[in-house]
């Protein structure tokens, strides 16, 4: 059974581990060694703790093990990470649905995000549309991504729940 709950400060170490392991194992992003090291440095437990104070972060647990996470900073979706062994099991969709319902209840009309090559198809399937490109730089390494957005105000999933 999957349980989704808001992240707590005490989850920072497990969140860090999940994100860092995800990047190591998901080769479809074609990350270089330098990019992997930069992303690992960006997602150490201390940095995660700081972000938990600023963002609404959700964690998905299965049998007590953290298997996924996503976060929202105002209307910006900040990453989606699913344990490599749990990919394609519907966890990402359930996390995204949970996050979108929260945003809708808070009066957010549009969500934006940036997608890696690996995540692009997932976001397309979940109703996000591309509208440009962006390059993030972390610890000296560049990460090209695709800017995407979704109007959740007119989404049929949430209109009926008003």
C-alpha atoms as a PDB file:
ATOM      1  CA  UNK A   1       0.000   0.000   0.000  1.00  0.00           C
ATOM      2  CA  UNK A   2       1.308   3.425  -0.952  1.00  0.00           C
ATOM      3  CA  UNK A   3       1.176   6.208   1.621  1.00  0.00           C
ATOM      4  CA  UNK A   4       1.816   9.831   0.623  1.00  0.00           C
ATOM      5  CA  UNK A   5       2.507  12.386   3.321  1.00  0.00           C
ATOM      6  CA  UNK A   6       4.158  15.740   3.749  1.00  0.00           C
ATOM      7  CA  UNK A   7       7.899  15.488   4.352  1.00  0.00           C
ATOM      8  CA  UNK A   8       9.319  16.280   7.769  1.00  0.00           C
ATOM      9  CA  UNK A   9      12.753  17.638   8.635  1.00  0.00           C
ATOM     10  CA  UNK A  10      13.697  14.197   9.956  1.00  0.00           C
ATOM     11  CA  UNK A  11      13.137  12.842   6.398  1.00  0.00           C
ATOM     12  CA  UNK A  12      16.005  14.918   4.962  1.00  0.00           C
ATOM     13  CA  UNK A  13      18.575  12.116   5.076  1.00  0.00           C
ATOM     14  CA  UNK A  14      16.242   9.638   3.362  1.00  0.00           C
ATOM     15  CA  UNK A  15      15.209  12.244   0.785  1.00  0.00           C
ATOM     16  CA  UNK A  16      18.861  12.970   0.049  1.00  0.00           C
ATOM     17  CA  UNK A  17      19.599   9.274  -0.358  1.00  0.00           C
ATOM     18  CA  UNK A  18      16.597   8.740  -2.667  1.00  0.00           C
ATOM     19  CA  UNK A  19      17.486  11.692  -4.907  1.00  0.00           C
ATOM     20  CA  UNK A  20      21.204  10.918  -5.065  1.00  0.00           C
ATOM     21  CA  UNK A  21      20.667   7.205  -5.783  1.00  0.00           C
ATOM     22  CA  UNK A  22      18.067   8.065  -8.403  1.00  0.00           C
ATOM     23  CA  UNK A  23      20.556  10.170 -10.333  1.00  0.00           C
ATOM     24  CA  UNK A  24      23.212   7.445 -10.102  1.00  0.00           C
ATOM     25  CA  UNK A  25      20.908   4.784 -11.503  1.00  0.00           C
ATOM     26  CA  UNK A  26      18.917   6.658 -14.100  1.00  0.00           C
ATOM     27  CA  UNK A  27      21.340   6.638 -16.995  1.00  0.00           C
ATOM     28  CA  UNK A  28      18.761   7.896 -19.489  1.00  0.00           C
ATOM     29  CA  UNK A  29      19.617  11.455 -18.458  1.00  0.00           C
ATOM     30  CA  UNK A  30      23.085  10.968 -19.939  1.00  0.00           C
ATOM     31  CA  UNK A  31      24.648  12.767 -16.989  1.00  0.00           C
ATOM     32  CA  UNK A  32      28.399  13.092 -17.018  1.00  0.00           C
ATOM     33  CA  UNK A  33      30.441  12.220 -13.938  1.00  0.00           C
ATOM     34  CA  UNK A  34      30.782  15.950 -13.230  1.00  0.00           C
ATOM     35  CA  UNK A  35      27.004  16.449 -13.447  1.00  0.00           C
ATOM     36  CA  UNK A  36      26.357  13.492 -11.131  1.00  0.00           C
ATOM     37  CA  UNK A  37      28.850  14.888  -8.603  1.00  0.00           C
ATOM     38  CA  UNK A  38      27.256  18.349  -8.830  1.00  0.00           C
ATOM     39  CA  UNK A  39      23.752  16.944  -8.339  1.00  0.00           C
ATOM     40  CA  UNK A  40      24.940  14.853  -5.411  1.00  0.00           C
ATOM     41  CA  UNK A  41      26.489  17.950  -3.799  1.00  0.00           C
ATOM     42  CA  UNK A  42      23.279  19.919  -4.411  1.00  0.00           C
ATOM     43  CA  UNK A  43      21.200  17.302  -2.615  1.00  0.00           C
ATOM     44  CA  UNK A  44      23.058  16.604   0.598  1.00  0.00           C
ATOM     45  CA  UNK A  45      20.891  16.301   3.742  1.00  0.00           C
ATOM     46  CA  UNK A  46      21.719  19.833   4.942  1.00  0.00           C
ATOM     47  CA  UNK A  47      20.546  21.361   1.648  1.00  0.00           C
ATOM     48  CA  UNK A  48      17.410  19.207   1.709  1.00  0.00           C
ATOM     49  CA  UNK A  49      16.591  20.417   5.253  1.00  0.00           C
ATOM     50  CA  UNK A  50      16.850  24.032   4.099  1.00  0.00           C
ATOM     51  CA  UNK A  51      14.535  23.375   1.159  1.00  0.00           C
ATOM     52  CA  UNK A  52      12.002  21.578   3.360  1.00  0.00           C
ATOM     53  CA  UNK A  53      11.478  24.858   5.197  1.00  0.00           C
ATOM     54  CA  UNK A  54      10.634  26.679   1.951  1.00  0.00           C
ATOM     55  CA  UNK A  55       8.709  24.137  -0.125  1.00  0.00           C
ATOM     56  CA  UNK A  56       5.741  21.843   0.253  1.00  0.00           C
ATOM     57  CA  UNK A  57       7.401  18.458  -0.134  1.00  0.00           C
ATOM     58  CA  UNK A  58       5.654  15.114  -0.318  1.00  0.00           C
ATOM     59  CA  UNK A  59       7.062  11.638   0.163  1.00  0.00           C
ATOM     60  CA  UNK A  60       5.630   8.325  -0.975  1.00  0.00           C
ATOM     61  CA  UNK A  61       6.187   5.290   1.232  1.00  0.00           C
ATOM     62  CA  UNK A  62       5.612   1.640   0.505  1.00  0.00           C
ATOM     63  CA  UNK A  63       5.992  -0.824   3.396  1.00  0.00           C
ATOM     64  CA  UNK A  64       7.781   1.894   5.392  1.00  0.00           C
ATOM     65  CA  UNK A  65      10.361   2.545   2.667  1.00  0.00           C
ATOM     66  CA  UNK A  66      10.533   5.922   0.930  1.00  0.00           C
ATOM     67  CA  UNK A  67       9.966   5.233  -2.758  1.00  0.00           C
ATOM     68  CA  UNK A  68       9.277   8.687  -4.196  1.00  0.00           C
ATOM     69  CA  UNK A  69       9.175  12.417  -3.632  1.00  0.00           C
ATOM     70  CA  UNK A  70       8.126  15.662  -5.262  1.00  0.00           C
ATOM     71  CA  UNK A  71       7.888  19.262  -4.082  1.00  0.00           C
ATOM     72  CA  UNK A  72       6.134  22.529  -4.827  1.00  0.00           C
ATOM     73  CA  UNK A  73       7.572  26.039  -4.424  1.00  0.00           C
ATOM     74  CA  UNK A  74       4.681  28.436  -5.097  1.00  0.00           C
ATOM     75  CA  UNK A  75       3.648  27.148  -8.560  1.00  0.00           C
ATOM     76  CA  UNK A  76       6.975  25.501  -9.461  1.00  0.00           C
ATOM     77  CA  UNK A  77       7.118  21.710  -9.295  1.00  0.00           C
ATOM     78  CA  UNK A  78      10.580  20.974  -7.906  1.00  0.00           C
ATOM     79  CA  UNK A  79      11.593  17.554  -9.081  1.00  0.00           C
ATOM     80  CA  UNK A  80      10.049  14.127  -9.143  1.00  0.00           C
ATOM     81  CA  UNK A  81      12.148  11.247  -7.923  1.00  0.00           C
ATOM     82  CA  UNK A  82      11.052   7.636  -7.834  1.00  0.00           C
ATOM     83  CA  UNK A  83      13.203   4.744  -6.602  1.00  0.00           C
ATOM     84  CA  UNK A  84      14.720   3.147  -9.664  1.00  0.00           C
ATOM     85  CA  UNK A  85      13.289  -0.280  -8.759  1.00  0.00           C
ATOM     86  CA  UNK A  86       9.792   1.261  -8.470  1.00  0.00           C
ATOM     87  CA  UNK A  87       9.692   3.120 -11.766  1.00  0.00           C
ATOM     88  CA  UNK A  88       6.664   2.492 -13.990  1.00  0.00           C
ATOM     89  CA  UNK A  89       4.539   1.323 -11.040  1.00  0.00           C
ATOM     90  CA  UNK A  90       2.265   4.402 -10.898  1.00  0.00           C
ATOM     91  CA  UNK A  91       4.000   6.076  -7.952  1.00  0.00           C
ATOM     92  CA  UNK A  92       4.983   9.171  -9.935  1.00  0.00           C
ATOM     93  CA  UNK A  93       1.438   9.606 -11.225  1.00  0.00           C
ATOM     94  CA  UNK A  94       0.003   9.302  -7.694  1.00  0.00           C
ATOM     95  CA  UNK A  95       2.521  11.799  -6.306  1.00  0.00           C
ATOM     96  CA  UNK A  96       1.810  14.257  -9.122  1.00  0.00           C
ATOM     97  CA  UNK A  97      -1.941  13.894  -8.627  1.00  0.00           C
ATOM     98  CA  UNK A  98      -1.507  14.532  -4.887  1.00  0.00           C
ATOM     99  CA  UNK A  99       0.602  17.632  -5.554  1.00  0.00           C
ATOM    100  CA  UNK A 100      -1.812  18.991  -8.164  1.00  0.00           C
ATOM    101  CA  UNK A 101      -4.798  18.547  -5.841  1.00  0.00           C
ATOM    102  CA  UNK A 102      -2.942  20.451  -3.126  1.00  0.00           C
ATOM    103  CA  UNK A 103      -2.065  23.250  -5.580  1.00  0.00           C
ATOM    104  CA  UNK A 104      -5.645  23.450  -6.835  1.00  0.00           C
ATOM    105  CA  UNK A 105      -6.995  23.760  -3.280  1.00  0.00           C
ATOM    106  CA  UNK A 106      -4.502  26.593  -2.678  1.00  0.00           C
ATOM    107  CA  UNK A 107      -5.844  28.491  -5.686  1.00  0.00           C
ATOM    108  CA  UNK A 108      -2.885  27.858  -7.973  1.00  0.00           C
ATOM    109  CA  UNK A 109      -4.086  27.938 -11.564  1.00  0.00           C
ATOM    110  CA  UNK A 110      -0.957  26.867 -13.421  1.00  0.00           C
ATOM    111  CA  UNK A 111       1.986  24.667 -12.530  1.00  0.00           C
ATOM    112  CA  UNK A 112       5.371  24.986 -14.170  1.00  0.00           C
ATOM    113  CA  UNK A 113       8.410  22.714 -14.101  1.00  0.00           C
ATOM    114  CA  UNK A 114      11.571  21.847 -15.941  1.00  0.00           C
ATOM    115  CA  UNK A 115      12.003  18.317 -17.262  1.00  0.00           C
ATOM    116  CA  UNK A 116      15.065  16.268 -18.027  1.00  0.00           C
ATOM    117  CA  UNK A 117      15.118  14.104 -21.146  1.00  0.00           C
ATOM    118  CA  UNK A 118      14.198  11.215 -18.875  1.00  0.00           C
ATOM    119  CA  UNK A 119      11.201  12.927 -17.262  1.00  0.00           C
ATOM    120  CA  UNK A 120       9.838  14.627 -20.376  1.00  0.00           C
ATOM    121  CA  UNK A 121       7.573  11.747 -21.471  1.00  0.00           C
ATOM    122  CA  UNK A 122       6.174  11.320 -17.955  1.00  0.00           C
ATOM    123  CA  UNK A 123       5.147  14.966 -17.760  1.00  0.00           C
ATOM    124  CA  UNK A 124       3.639  14.897 -21.272  1.00  0.00           C
ATOM    125  CA  UNK A 125       1.494  11.907 -20.231  1.00  0.00           C
ATOM    126  CA  UNK A 126       0.373  13.894 -17.186  1.00  0.00           C
ATOM    127  CA  UNK A 127      -0.855  16.862 -19.223  1.00  0.00           C
ATOM    128  CA  UNK A 128       2.175  19.189 -19.151  1.00  0.00           C
ATOM    129  CA  UNK A 129       3.017  21.085 -22.340  1.00  0.00           C
ATOM    130  CA  UNK A 130       6.506  22.235 -23.400  1.00  0.00           C
ATOM    131  CA  UNK A 131       7.084  25.959 -23.860  1.00  0.00           C
ATOM    132  CA  UNK A 132      10.837  26.465 -24.004  1.00  0.00           C
ATOM    133  CA  UNK A 133      14.235  25.401 -22.789  1.00  0.00           C
ATOM    134  CA  UNK A 134      16.337  26.324 -19.801  1.00  0.00           C
ATOM    135  CA  UNK A 135      19.788  25.441 -18.516  1.00  0.00           C
ATOM    136  CA  UNK A 136      20.323  25.173 -14.760  1.00  0.00           C
ATOM    137  CA  UNK A 137      23.826  25.392 -13.325  1.00  0.00           C
ATOM    138  CA  UNK A 138      24.682  23.594 -10.086  1.00  0.00           C
ATOM    139  CA  UNK A 139      28.200  23.513  -8.669  1.00  0.00           C
ATOM    140  CA  UNK A 140      29.641  24.482 -12.051  1.00  0.00           C
ATOM    141  CA  UNK A 141      27.783  21.836 -14.088  1.00  0.00           C
ATOM    142  CA  UNK A 142      25.091  22.694 -16.616  1.00  0.00           C
ATOM    143  CA  UNK A 143      21.803  20.799 -16.830  1.00  0.00           C
ATOM    144  CA  UNK A 144      19.742  21.501 -19.971  1.00  0.00           C
ATOM    145  CA  UNK A 145      16.020  21.002 -19.381  1.00  0.00           C
ATOM    146  CA  UNK A 146      12.672  21.573 -21.057  1.00  0.00           C
ATOM    147  CA  UNK A 147      10.263  24.124 -19.568  1.00  0.00           C
ATOM    148  CA  UNK A 148       6.727  22.749 -19.219  1.00  0.00           C
ATOM    149  CA  UNK A 149       3.420  23.973 -17.814  1.00  0.00           C
ATOM    150  CA  UNK A 150      -0.082  22.777 -17.062  1.00  0.00           C
ATOM    151  CA  UNK A 151      -3.247  24.748 -16.413  1.00  0.00           C
ATOM    152  CA  UNK A 152      -4.795  22.908 -13.477  1.00  0.00           C
ATOM    153  CA  UNK A 153      -7.696  25.354 -13.197  1.00  0.00           C
ATOM    154  CA  UNK A 154      -9.319  23.912 -16.308  1.00  0.00           C
ATOM    155  CA  UNK A 155      -8.185  20.328 -15.733  1.00  0.00           C
ATOM    156  CA  UNK A 156     -11.167  17.992 -15.757  1.00  0.00           C
ATOM    157  CA  UNK A 157      -9.669  16.097 -12.806  1.00  0.00           C
ATOM    158  CA  UNK A 158     -10.222  19.008 -10.454  1.00  0.00           C
ATOM    159  CA  UNK A 159     -13.244  20.899 -11.858  1.00  0.00           C
ATOM    160  CA  UNK A 160     -15.659  18.286 -10.541  1.00  0.00           C
ATOM    161  CA  UNK A 161     -14.178  18.578  -7.045  1.00  0.00           C
ATOM    162  CA  UNK A 162     -14.866  22.311  -6.588  1.00  0.00           C
END
